[in-house]
Amino acid sequence: VHACTAHSYTQAMNWYCRFTDKDVLSFREIGLIVRSLGCFPTEAELQELLAKVEEEPPTGYIHLEKFLLVMTEVLLNRSYQPVPEDVLLHAFETLDENKRGYITKEELVKYLTQE
């Protein structure tokens, strides 16, 4: 793992381990940890990742050692890259029906909440 990535990884682990015992992480925190490391999985991909490290029977916690192995693989493979900027820009341009160069808060709420 690149030195900068390894440093960020260690910082993230130290930061989030404060919520529980030092050898386990709460499922609730995994998404934050993964995203703080520059990985942006979809919710479905995050659930798949959690399934790889889940204990039997499920406890709601992940042993840090098991999580570190999976996250090392994720980081080395550069999995879960963010959506490219041009794709996001195109998506917002599509939502900007009046071609103003922006969408209002109300429009964004409407788009995010309609089915």
N, C-alpha and C. Protein backbone atom coordinates (compact mmCIF):
# COMPACT_ATOMS: atom_id res chain seq x y z
N VAL A 1 0.86 -1.17 0.00
CA VAL A 1 0.00 0.00 0.00
C VAL A 1 0.90 1.23 0.00
N HIS A 2 0.57 2.22 -0.79
CA HIS A 2 1.33 3.47 -0.87
C HIS A 2 1.44 4.07 0.54
N ALA A 3 2.56 4.70 0.85
CA ALA A 3 2.82 5.23 2.19
C ALA A 3 1.74 6.20 2.65
N CYS A 4 1.31 7.09 1.76
CA CYS A 4 0.27 8.07 2.11
C CYS A 4 -1.03 7.34 2.42
N THR A 5 -1.37 6.36 1.60
CA THR A 5 -2.59 5.59 1.82
C THR A 5 -2.49 4.82 3.12
N ALA A 6 -1.34 4.21 3.38
CA ALA A 6 -1.15 3.45 4.61
C ALA A 6 -1.30 4.36 5.82
N HIS A 7 -0.76 5.58 5.74
CA HIS A 7 -0.89 6.53 6.84
C HIS A 7 -2.36 6.90 7.07
N SER A 8 -3.07 7.21 5.98
CA SER A 8 -4.49 7.55 6.08
C SER A 8 -5.28 6.40 6.66
N TYR A 9 -4.93 5.20 6.22
CA TYR A 9 -5.58 3.98 6.68
C TYR A 9 -5.41 3.84 8.18
N THR A 10 -4.18 4.01 8.66
CA THR A 10 -3.89 3.89 10.09
C THR A 10 -4.64 4.96 10.87
N GLN A 11 -4.64 6.19 10.37
CA GLN A 11 -5.36 7.27 11.04
C GLN A 11 -6.85 6.96 11.13
N ALA A 12 -7.43 6.48 10.04
CA ALA A 12 -8.86 6.15 10.02
C ALA A 12 -9.18 5.06 11.03
N MET A 13 -8.35 4.03 11.07
CA MET A 13 -8.57 2.93 12.01
C MET A 13 -8.47 3.42 13.44
N ASN A 14 -7.47 4.23 13.75
CA ASN A 14 -7.30 4.75 15.10
C ASN A 14 -8.49 5.62 15.51
N TRP A 15 -8.95 6.43 14.57
CA TRP A 15 -10.07 7.32 14.83
C TRP A 15 -11.35 6.54 15.14
N TYR A 16 -11.67 5.57 14.32
CA TYR A 16 -12.94 4.86 14.46
C TYR A 16 -12.91 3.78 15.52
N CYS A 17 -11.76 3.27 15.88
CA CYS A 17 -11.69 2.25 16.92
C CYS A 17 -12.09 2.79 18.28
N ARG A 18 -12.14 4.09 18.43
CA ARG A 18 -12.48 4.67 19.72
C ARG A 18 -13.93 4.37 20.12
N PHE A 19 -14.76 3.99 19.16
CA PHE A 19 -16.18 3.75 19.45
C PHE A 19 -16.43 2.42 20.16
N THR A 20 -15.51 1.49 20.02
CA THR A 20 -15.71 0.16 20.59
C THR A 20 -14.40 -0.33 21.20
N ASP A 21 -14.36 -1.59 21.56
CA ASP A 21 -13.10 -2.18 21.99
C ASP A 21 -12.10 -2.02 20.86
N LYS A 22 -10.82 -2.09 21.18
CA LYS A 22 -9.78 -1.85 20.18
C LYS A 22 -9.71 -2.91 19.09
N ASP A 23 -10.32 -4.06 19.28
CA ASP A 23 -10.18 -5.11 18.27
C ASP A 23 -11.44 -5.33 17.44
N VAL A 24 -12.46 -4.49 17.61
CA VAL A 24 -13.68 -4.64 16.81
C VAL A 24 -14.18 -3.28 16.34
N LEU A 25 -14.90 -3.31 15.22
CA LEU A 25 -15.52 -2.11 14.66
C LEU A 25 -17.01 -2.37 14.55
N SER A 26 -17.81 -1.35 14.78
CA SER A 26 -19.25 -1.45 14.64
C SER A 26 -19.63 -1.40 13.16
N PHE A 27 -20.61 -2.21 12.75
CA PHE A 27 -21.12 -2.17 11.38
C PHE A 27 -21.53 -0.76 10.99
N ARG A 28 -22.07 -0.01 11.96
CA ARG A 28 -22.56 1.34 11.67
C ARG A 28 -21.45 2.27 11.19
N GLU A 29 -20.21 1.97 11.56
CA GLU A 29 -19.10 2.85 11.23
C GLU A 29 -18.37 2.46 9.95
N ILE A 30 -18.62 1.29 9.42
CA ILE A 30 -17.83 0.78 8.30
C ILE A 30 -17.95 1.68 7.06
N GLY A 31 -19.13 2.13 6.73
CA GLY A 31 -19.30 3.01 5.58
C GLY A 31 -18.47 4.28 5.70
N LEU A 32 -18.46 4.87 6.91
CA LEU A 32 -17.66 6.07 7.14
C LEU A 32 -16.17 5.78 6.98
N ILE A 33 -15.73 4.66 7.51
CA ILE A 33 -14.32 4.30 7.42
C ILE A 33 -13.92 4.11 5.96
N VAL A 34 -14.70 3.32 5.24
CA VAL A 34 -14.39 3.02 3.84
C VAL A 34 -14.35 4.31 3.03
N ARG A 35 -15.33 5.18 3.23
CA ARG A 35 -15.38 6.42 2.46
C ARG A 35 -14.27 7.40 2.88
N SER A 36 -13.88 7.38 4.14
CA SER A 36 -12.79 8.26 4.58
C SER A 36 -11.46 7.85 3.97
N LEU A 37 -11.38 6.63 3.47
CA LEU A 37 -10.17 6.13 2.83
C LEU A 37 -10.18 6.36 1.32
N GLY A 38 -11.18 7.12 0.84
CA GLY A 38 -11.22 7.46 -0.58
C GLY A 38 -11.90 6.42 -1.45
N CYS A 39 -12.65 5.51 -0.84
CA CYS A 39 -13.41 4.50 -1.59
C CYS A 39 -14.88 4.89 -1.52
N PHE A 40 -15.59 4.73 -2.61
CA PHE A 40 -16.98 5.18 -2.66
C PHE A 40 -17.90 4.07 -3.18
N PRO A 41 -18.09 3.01 -2.37
CA PRO A 41 -18.97 1.93 -2.81
C PRO A 41 -20.43 2.36 -2.76
N THR A 42 -21.24 1.73 -3.61
CA THR A 42 -22.68 1.93 -3.51
C THR A 42 -23.13 1.23 -2.23
N GLU A 43 -24.35 1.46 -1.82
CA GLU A 43 -24.85 0.77 -0.63
C GLU A 43 -24.85 -0.75 -0.84
N ALA A 44 -25.17 -1.19 -2.05
CA ALA A 44 -25.16 -2.64 -2.34
C ALA A 44 -23.74 -3.19 -2.24
N GLU A 45 -22.76 -2.45 -2.77
CA GLU A 45 -21.36 -2.89 -2.69
C GLU A 45 -20.87 -2.90 -1.24
N LEU A 46 -21.33 -1.93 -0.46
CA LEU A 46 -20.97 -1.89 0.95
C LEU A 46 -21.53 -3.10 1.68
N GLN A 47 -22.76 -3.47 1.36
CA GLN A 47 -23.36 -4.66 1.98
C GLN A 47 -22.59 -5.93 1.60
N GLU A 48 -22.12 -6.01 0.36
CA GLU A 48 -21.31 -7.15 -0.07
C GLU A 48 -20.00 -7.19 0.71
N LEU A 49 -19.40 -6.03 0.91
CA LEU A 49 -18.16 -5.94 1.68
C LEU A 49 -18.39 -6.40 3.12
N LEU A 50 -19.48 -5.95 3.71
CA LEU A 50 -19.82 -6.34 5.07
C LEU A 50 -20.05 -7.85 5.17
N ALA A 51 -20.67 -8.42 4.15
CA ALA A 51 -20.93 -9.86 4.15
C ALA A 51 -19.62 -10.65 4.18
N LYS A 52 -18.56 -10.10 3.58
CA LYS A 52 -17.26 -10.78 3.56
C LYS A 52 -16.64 -10.87 4.94
N VAL A 53 -16.96 -9.90 5.80
CA VAL A 53 -16.31 -9.84 7.10
C VAL A 53 -17.23 -10.13 8.28
N GLU A 54 -18.49 -10.39 7.99
CA GLU A 54 -19.48 -10.61 9.05
C GLU A 54 -19.18 -11.88 9.83
N GLU A 55 -19.39 -11.80 11.12
CA GLU A 55 -19.20 -12.94 12.01
C GLU A 55 -20.40 -13.88 11.93
N GLU A 56 -20.17 -15.12 12.27
CA GLU A 56 -21.27 -16.10 12.37
C GLU A 56 -21.37 -16.54 13.81
N PRO A 57 -22.49 -16.39 14.47
CA PRO A 57 -23.66 -15.63 14.05
C PRO A 57 -23.36 -14.12 14.05
N PRO A 58 -24.17 -13.35 13.30
CA PRO A 58 -23.94 -11.90 13.22
C PRO A 58 -23.98 -11.23 14.60
N THR A 59 -23.04 -10.34 14.83
CA THR A 59 -22.95 -9.64 16.12
C THR A 59 -23.14 -8.14 16.00
N GLY A 60 -23.06 -7.61 14.77
CA GLY A 60 -23.10 -6.16 14.58
C GLY A 60 -21.73 -5.53 14.66
N TYR A 61 -20.72 -6.36 14.89
CA TYR A 61 -19.34 -5.89 14.97
C TYR A 61 -18.46 -6.73 14.07
N ILE A 62 -17.34 -6.14 13.66
CA ILE A 62 -16.38 -6.81 12.80
C ILE A 62 -15.04 -6.79 13.52
N HIS A 63 -14.38 -7.92 13.55
CA HIS A 63 -13.04 -7.95 14.12
C HIS A 63 -12.11 -7.14 13.23
N LEU A 64 -11.36 -6.28 13.85
CA LEU A 64 -10.48 -5.36 13.13
C LEU A 64 -9.52 -6.10 12.20
N GLU A 65 -8.95 -7.19 12.67
CA GLU A 65 -7.99 -7.94 11.86
C GLU A 65 -8.62 -8.42 10.55
N LYS A 66 -9.84 -8.92 10.63
CA LYS A 66 -10.55 -9.41 9.43
C LYS A 66 -10.87 -8.24 8.49
N PHE A 67 -11.29 -7.13 9.07
CA PHE A 67 -11.61 -5.95 8.27
C PHE A 67 -10.37 -5.41 7.57
N LEU A 68 -9.24 -5.38 8.28
CA LEU A 68 -8.00 -4.87 7.70
C LEU A 68 -7.58 -5.69 6.48
N LEU A 69 -7.76 -6.99 6.54
CA LEU A 69 -7.40 -7.84 5.40
C LEU A 69 -8.25 -7.49 4.17
N VAL A 70 -9.54 -7.35 4.38
CA VAL A 70 -10.44 -7.04 3.27
C VAL A 70 -10.17 -5.63 2.74
N MET A 71 -9.97 -4.66 3.64
CA MET A 71 -9.74 -3.28 3.19
C MET A 71 -8.39 -3.14 2.49
N THR A 72 -7.40 -3.90 2.91
CA THR A 72 -6.11 -3.86 2.22
C THR A 72 -6.29 -4.30 0.77
N GLU A 73 -7.07 -5.35 0.57
CA GLU A 73 -7.36 -5.82 -0.79
C GLU A 73 -8.10 -4.76 -1.59
N VAL A 74 -9.09 -4.13 -0.96
CA VAL A 74 -9.87 -3.07 -1.62
C VAL A 74 -8.95 -1.93 -2.04
N LEU A 75 -8.07 -1.50 -1.16
CA LEU A 75 -7.17 -0.38 -1.46
C LEU A 75 -6.16 -0.75 -2.53
N LEU A 76 -5.60 -1.96 -2.45
CA LEU A 76 -4.62 -2.37 -3.44
C LEU A 76 -5.24 -2.51 -4.83
N ASN A 77 -6.49 -2.96 -4.89
CA ASN A 77 -7.19 -3.13 -6.16
C ASN A 77 -7.83 -1.83 -6.65
N ARG A 78 -7.73 -0.79 -5.83
CA ARG A 78 -8.35 0.50 -6.14
C ARG A 78 -9.84 0.34 -6.46
N SER A 79 -10.49 -0.44 -5.62
CA SER A 79 -11.93 -0.69 -5.78
C SER A 79 -12.73 0.53 -5.34
N TYR A 80 -13.92 0.62 -5.84
CA TYR A 80 -14.90 1.64 -5.44
C TYR A 80 -14.42 3.06 -5.71
N GLN A 81 -13.94 3.31 -6.91
CA GLN A 81 -13.50 4.65 -7.30
C GLN A 81 -14.71 5.57 -7.39
N PRO A 82 -14.51 6.87 -7.13
CA PRO A 82 -15.62 7.81 -7.22
C PRO A 82 -16.10 7.95 -8.67
N VAL A 83 -17.33 8.41 -8.81
CA VAL A 83 -17.88 8.67 -10.14
C VAL A 83 -17.08 9.83 -10.74
N PRO A 84 -16.66 9.72 -11.99
CA PRO A 84 -15.89 10.81 -12.61
C PRO A 84 -16.66 12.12 -12.61
N GLU A 85 -15.93 13.20 -12.48
CA GLU A 85 -16.53 14.54 -12.41
C GLU A 85 -17.41 14.85 -13.62
N ASP A 86 -16.98 14.45 -14.82
CA ASP A 86 -17.77 14.76 -16.01
C ASP A 86 -19.11 14.04 -16.01
N VAL A 87 -19.17 12.87 -15.42
CA VAL A 87 -20.43 12.13 -15.32
C VAL A 87 -21.38 12.85 -14.37
N LEU A 88 -20.85 13.30 -13.22
CA LEU A 88 -21.68 14.05 -12.27
C LEU A 88 -22.18 15.35 -12.88
N LEU A 89 -21.29 16.04 -13.58
CA LEU A 89 -21.67 17.29 -14.23
C LEU A 89 -22.80 17.05 -15.23
N HIS A 90 -22.68 16.00 -16.03
CA HIS A 90 -23.72 15.67 -17.00
C HIS A 90 -25.06 15.38 -16.30
N ALA A 91 -24.98 14.67 -15.17
CA ALA A 91 -26.21 14.36 -14.43
C ALA A 91 -26.89 15.64 -13.95
N PHE A 92 -26.11 16.59 -13.41
CA PHE A 92 -26.71 17.84 -12.96
C PHE A 92 -27.19 18.69 -14.12
N GLU A 93 -26.49 18.66 -15.23
CA GLU A 93 -26.95 19.40 -16.42
C GLU A 93 -28.28 18.84 -16.90
N THR A 94 -28.46 17.54 -16.79
CA THR A 94 -29.73 16.91 -17.18
C THR A 94 -30.86 17.37 -16.27
N LEU A 95 -30.56 17.50 -14.96
CA LEU A 95 -31.58 17.95 -14.01
C LEU A 95 -31.90 19.43 -14.16
N ASP A 96 -30.97 20.21 -14.69
CA ASP A 96 -31.14 21.65 -14.89
C ASP A 96 -31.94 21.87 -16.18
N GLU A 97 -33.24 21.65 -16.09
CA GLU A 97 -34.11 21.71 -17.27
C GLU A 97 -34.15 23.10 -17.90
N ASN A 98 -33.97 24.16 -17.10
CA ASN A 98 -34.03 25.53 -17.62
C ASN A 98 -32.67 26.04 -18.08
N LYS A 99 -31.64 25.20 -18.01
CA LYS A 99 -30.28 25.54 -18.47
C LYS A 99 -29.75 26.81 -17.80
N ARG A 100 -29.96 26.93 -16.48
CA ARG A 100 -29.49 28.08 -15.71
C ARG A 100 -28.06 27.90 -15.21
N GLY A 101 -27.56 26.65 -15.21
CA GLY A 101 -26.22 26.40 -14.67
C GLY A 101 -26.25 26.01 -13.21
N TYR A 102 -27.44 25.83 -12.66
CA TYR A 102 -27.60 25.41 -11.27
C TYR A 102 -28.99 24.83 -11.10
N ILE A 103 -29.18 24.09 -10.00
CA ILE A 103 -30.53 23.67 -9.61
C ILE A 103 -30.75 24.19 -8.20
N THR A 104 -31.99 24.51 -7.90
CA THR A 104 -32.31 25.06 -6.58
C THR A 104 -32.38 23.94 -5.54
N LYS A 105 -32.33 24.34 -4.30
CA LYS A 105 -32.47 23.39 -3.20
C LYS A 105 -33.79 22.63 -3.32
N GLU A 106 -34.85 23.35 -3.65
CA GLU A 106 -36.17 22.73 -3.78
C GLU A 106 -36.19 21.68 -4.90
N GLU A 107 -35.54 22.01 -6.01
CA GLU A 107 -35.47 21.05 -7.12
C GLU A 107 -34.69 19.81 -6.71
N LEU A 108 -33.56 20.01 -6.02
CA LEU A 108 -32.76 18.89 -5.58
C LEU A 108 -33.53 18.00 -4.63
N VAL A 109 -34.24 18.60 -3.68
CA VAL A 109 -35.07 17.82 -2.75
C VAL A 109 -36.11 17.03 -3.53
N LYS A 110 -36.75 17.68 -4.50
CA LYS A 110 -37.77 17.01 -5.31
C LYS A 110 -37.17 15.79 -6.03
N TYR A 111 -36.02 15.96 -6.66
CA TYR A 111 -35.39 14.87 -7.41
C TYR A 111 -34.94 13.73 -6.51
N LEU A 112 -34.49 14.08 -5.32
CA LEU A 112 -33.99 13.05 -4.41
C LEU A 112 -35.09 12.29 -3.68
N THR A 113 -36.30 12.87 -3.63
CA THR A 113 -37.36 12.24 -2.87
C THR A 113 -38.48 11.64 -3.72
N GLN A 114 -38.54 12.00 -5.00
CA GLN A 114 -39.59 11.41 -5.84
C GLN A 114 -39.21 10.02 -6.27
N GLU A 115 -40.22 9.20 -6.47
CA GLU A 115 -39.97 7.81 -6.89
C GLU A 115 -40.07 7.65 -8.37
